[in-house]
Amino acid sequence: MRRAVKALCAASLALAAAVATASPASAVRQADAPNYQVDVVNHAGLGLDEVDLAVGRFSDPVIRLQTQRHVVSGATVTFDLGPCSDVRQFAASAFVGNREVLHTGDINPSPNCHTQVEITHT
């Protein structure tokens, strides 16, 4: 829970991260894909012990945390946040051991119901 609150409240501390949304040409209408998806791509050249995604929803006052462990270099982790229209904000964090190597800060949802976060090595 500490990480979830930290993920939605702290300022951006990313060592190297780029947040990009899909282009309008690849936008998917909400009727075709009603759930919001966040892809976290590991381009860091090292394995991540944990990737966390904290999500705030309009329908739920509690920040919910989703976690994926053991994300190898080159892998993409996809988080399904539920109905697109219900997603208020989200934030991603990645860890190697206890060291946080990515923290996006708060991200507002994209109208196309998809966001990609890339973890790179500097």
C-alpha atoms as a PDB file:
ATOM      1  CA  MET A   1       0.000   0.000   0.000  1.00  0.00           C
ATOM      2  CA  ARG A   2       2.924   2.347   0.739  1.00  0.00           C
ATOM      3  CA  ARG A   3       4.074   2.048  -2.871  1.00  0.00           C
ATOM      4  CA  ALA A   4       0.568   2.688  -4.218  1.00  0.00           C
ATOM      5  CA  VAL A   5       0.216   5.937  -2.295  1.00  0.00           C
ATOM      6  CA  LYS A   6       3.770   6.917  -3.211  1.00  0.00           C
ATOM      7  CA  ALA A   7       3.098   6.120  -6.866  1.00  0.00           C
ATOM      8  CA  LEU A   8       0.102   8.443  -7.119  1.00  0.00           C
ATOM      9  CA  CYS A   9       1.314  11.219  -4.816  1.00  0.00           C
ATOM     10  CA  ALA A  10       5.058  11.634  -5.317  1.00  0.00           C
ATOM     11  CA  ALA A  11       6.694  13.826  -7.938  1.00  0.00           C
ATOM     12  CA  SER A  12       8.267  12.223 -10.974  1.00  0.00           C
ATOM     13  CA  LEU A  13      11.541  10.524  -9.990  1.00  0.00           C
ATOM     14  CA  ALA A  14      12.207   8.557 -13.158  1.00  0.00           C
ATOM     15  CA  LEU A  15      15.828   7.745 -13.848  1.00  0.00           C
ATOM     16  CA  ALA A  16      14.863   7.257 -17.476  1.00  0.00           C
ATOM     17  CA  ALA A  17      11.293   6.940 -18.668  1.00  0.00           C
ATOM     18  CA  ALA A  18       9.271   8.056 -21.603  1.00  0.00           C
ATOM     19  CA  VAL A  19       5.516   8.024 -21.509  1.00  0.00           C
ATOM     20  CA  ALA A  20       3.838   7.854 -24.873  1.00  0.00           C
ATOM     21  CA  THR A  21       0.272   7.303 -25.918  1.00  0.00           C
ATOM     22  CA  ALA A  22      -0.699   5.524 -29.080  1.00  0.00           C
ATOM     23  CA  SER A  23      -1.045   7.689 -32.173  1.00  0.00           C
ATOM     24  CA  PRO A  24      -4.507   8.880 -33.231  1.00  0.00           C
ATOM     25  CA  ALA A  25      -4.296   6.594 -36.263  1.00  0.00           C
ATOM     26  CA  SER A  26      -4.058   3.589 -33.954  1.00  0.00           C
ATOM     27  CA  ALA A  27      -6.656   4.840 -31.513  1.00  0.00           C
ATOM     28  CA  VAL A  28      -9.244   2.271 -30.608  1.00  0.00           C
ATOM     29  CA  ARG A  29     -12.800   3.348 -30.049  1.00  0.00           C
ATOM     30  CA  GLN A  30     -14.002   2.685 -26.534  1.00  0.00           C
ATOM     31  CA  ALA A  31     -16.846   0.540 -27.864  1.00  0.00           C
ATOM     32  CA  ASP A  32     -14.273  -1.818 -29.433  1.00  0.00           C
ATOM     33  CA  ALA A  33     -11.933  -1.931 -26.416  1.00  0.00           C
ATOM     34  CA  PRO A  34     -13.755  -0.761 -23.287  1.00  0.00           C
ATOM     35  CA  ASN A  35     -10.912  -1.497 -20.854  1.00  0.00           C
ATOM     36  CA  TYR A  36      -7.948   0.823 -20.316  1.00  0.00           C
ATOM     37  CA  GLN A  37      -4.560  -0.795 -20.936  1.00  0.00           C
ATOM     38  CA  VAL A  38      -1.126   0.306 -19.804  1.00  0.00           C
ATOM     39  CA  ASP A  39       1.925  -1.345 -21.373  1.00  0.00           C
ATOM     40  CA  VAL A  40       5.217  -1.093 -19.496  1.00  0.00           C
ATOM     41  CA  VAL A  41       8.151  -1.924 -21.792  1.00  0.00           C
ATOM     42  CA  ASN A  42      11.487  -2.853 -20.222  1.00  0.00           C
ATOM     43  CA  HIS A  43      14.278  -1.462 -22.427  1.00  0.00           C
ATOM     44  CA  ALA A  44      16.600  -0.992 -19.441  1.00  0.00           C
ATOM     45  CA  GLY A  45      18.954  -3.842 -20.303  1.00  0.00           C
ATOM     46  CA  LEU A  46      18.371  -5.459 -16.922  1.00  0.00           C
ATOM     47  CA  GLY A  47      15.668  -7.529 -15.301  1.00  0.00           C
ATOM     48  CA  LEU A  48      13.181  -5.799 -13.045  1.00  0.00           C
ATOM     49  CA  ASP A  49      12.188  -7.472  -9.807  1.00  0.00           C
ATOM     50  CA  GLU A  50       8.831  -5.736  -9.706  1.00  0.00           C
ATOM     51  CA  VAL A  51       6.649  -3.392 -11.759  1.00  0.00           C
ATOM     52  CA  ASP A  52       3.771  -1.737  -9.894  1.00  0.00           C
ATOM     53  CA  LEU A  53       0.847   0.165 -11.304  1.00  0.00           C
ATOM     54  CA  ALA A  54      -1.344   2.186  -8.942  1.00  0.00           C
ATOM     55  CA  VAL A  55      -4.743   3.184 -10.281  1.00  0.00           C
ATOM     56  CA  GLY A  56      -7.377   5.610  -9.058  1.00  0.00           C
ATOM     57  CA  ARG A  57     -10.916   5.074 -10.271  1.00  0.00           C
ATOM     58  CA  PHE A  58     -13.976   7.278 -10.152  1.00  0.00           C
ATOM     59  CA  SER A  59     -16.015   4.384  -8.734  1.00  0.00           C
ATOM     60  CA  ASP A  60     -13.583   3.499  -5.919  1.00  0.00           C
ATOM     61  CA  PRO A  61     -12.042   5.916  -3.397  1.00  0.00           C
ATOM     62  CA  VAL A  62      -9.196   3.470  -2.663  1.00  0.00           C
ATOM     63  CA  ILE A  63      -6.029   3.477  -4.792  1.00  0.00           C
ATOM     64  CA  ARG A  64      -5.575  -0.066  -6.100  1.00  0.00           C
ATOM     65  CA  LEU A  65      -2.186  -1.621  -6.830  1.00  0.00           C
ATOM     66  CA  GLN A  66      -1.401  -4.141  -9.559  1.00  0.00           C
ATOM     67  CA  THR A  67       1.981  -5.870  -9.541  1.00  0.00           C
ATOM     68  CA  GLN A  68       4.008  -7.927 -11.990  1.00  0.00           C
ATOM     69  CA  ARG A  69       7.176  -9.583 -10.724  1.00  0.00           C
ATOM     70  CA  HIS A  70      10.312 -10.676 -12.595  1.00  0.00           C
ATOM     71  CA  VAL A  71      10.119  -8.657 -15.803  1.00  0.00           C
ATOM     72  CA  VAL A  72      13.068  -9.582 -18.004  1.00  0.00           C
ATOM     73  CA  SER A  73      14.878  -7.137 -20.281  1.00  0.00           C
ATOM     74  CA  GLY A  74      12.953  -6.625 -23.515  1.00  0.00           C
ATOM     75  CA  ALA A  75       9.634  -7.776 -22.050  1.00  0.00           C
ATOM     76  CA  THR A  76       6.354  -5.865 -22.086  1.00  0.00           C
ATOM     77  CA  VAL A  77       3.935  -6.089 -19.183  1.00  0.00           C
ATOM     78  CA  THR A  78       0.305  -5.180 -19.885  1.00  0.00           C
ATOM     79  CA  PHE A  79      -1.966  -3.987 -17.096  1.00  0.00           C
ATOM     80  CA  ASP A  80      -5.746  -4.006 -17.570  1.00  0.00           C
ATOM     81  CA  LEU A  81      -7.201  -1.145 -15.513  1.00  0.00           C
ATOM     82  CA  GLY A  82     -10.841  -1.930 -16.130  1.00  0.00           C
ATOM     83  CA  PRO A  83     -13.449   0.241 -17.869  1.00  0.00           C
ATOM     84  CA  CYS A  84     -11.811   3.146 -19.668  1.00  0.00           C
ATOM     85  CA  SER A  85     -14.378   5.683 -18.487  1.00  0.00           C
ATOM     86  CA  ASP A  86     -13.755   4.717 -14.834  1.00  0.00           C
ATOM     87  CA  VAL A  87      -9.969   5.378 -14.814  1.00  0.00           C
ATOM     88  CA  ARG A  88      -9.189   8.679 -13.065  1.00  0.00           C
ATOM     89  CA  GLN A  89      -5.350   8.533 -12.819  1.00  0.00           C
ATOM     90  CA  PHE A  90      -2.557   6.002 -12.623  1.00  0.00           C
ATOM     91  CA  ALA A  91       1.180   5.814 -11.980  1.00  0.00           C
ATOM     92  CA  ALA A  92       3.886   3.230 -12.624  1.00  0.00           C
ATOM     93  CA  SER A  93       6.936   2.261 -10.593  1.00  0.00           C
ATOM     94  CA  ALA A  94       9.660  -0.313 -11.234  1.00  0.00           C
ATOM     95  CA  PHE A  95      12.125  -1.829  -8.786  1.00  0.00           C
ATOM     96  CA  VAL A  96      15.417  -3.673  -8.840  1.00  0.00           C
ATOM     97  CA  GLY A  97      15.701  -5.092  -5.352  1.00  0.00           C
ATOM     98  CA  ASN A  98      14.514  -2.288  -3.071  1.00  0.00           C
ATOM     99  CA  ARG A  99      15.776   0.418  -5.432  1.00  0.00           C
ATOM    100  CA  GLU A 100      13.133   2.278  -7.408  1.00  0.00           C
ATOM    101  CA  VAL A 101      14.405   2.709 -10.979  1.00  0.00           C
ATOM    102  CA  LEU A 102      11.236   4.232 -12.449  1.00  0.00           C
ATOM    103  CA  HIS A 103       8.483   6.408 -11.088  1.00  0.00           C
ATOM    104  CA  THR A 104       6.192   8.145 -13.545  1.00  0.00           C
ATOM    105  CA  GLY A 105       4.219  10.381 -11.234  1.00  0.00           C
ATOM    106  CA  ASP A 106       0.511  10.799 -11.915  1.00  0.00           C
ATOM    107  CA  ILE A 107      -0.703  10.125 -15.459  1.00  0.00           C
ATOM    108  CA  ASN A 108      -4.118  11.194 -16.693  1.00  0.00           C
ATOM    109  CA  PRO A 109      -5.796   8.644 -18.953  1.00  0.00           C
ATOM    110  CA  SER A 110      -5.657   9.035 -22.709  1.00  0.00           C
ATOM    111  CA  PRO A 111      -8.941   9.197 -24.656  1.00  0.00           C
ATOM    112  CA  ASN A 112      -7.838   6.181 -26.712  1.00  0.00           C
ATOM    113  CA  CYS A 113      -7.751   3.974 -23.566  1.00  0.00           C
ATOM    114  CA  HIS A 114      -4.080   3.047 -23.930  1.00  0.00           C
ATOM    115  CA  THR A 115      -0.759   4.314 -22.568  1.00  0.00           C
ATOM    116  CA  GLN A 116       2.740   2.941 -23.037  1.00  0.00           C
ATOM    117  CA  VAL A 117       5.514   3.533 -20.504  1.00  0.00           C
ATOM    118  CA  GLU A 118       9.051   2.733 -21.626  1.00  0.00           C
ATOM    119  CA  ILE A 119      11.853   2.055 -19.180  1.00  0.00           C
ATOM    120  CA  THR A 120      15.241   2.870 -20.683  1.00  0.00           C
ATOM    121  CA  HIS A 121      18.818   2.777 -19.461  1.00  0.00           C
ATOM    122  CA  THR A 122      20.803   6.012 -19.115  1.00  0.00           C
END
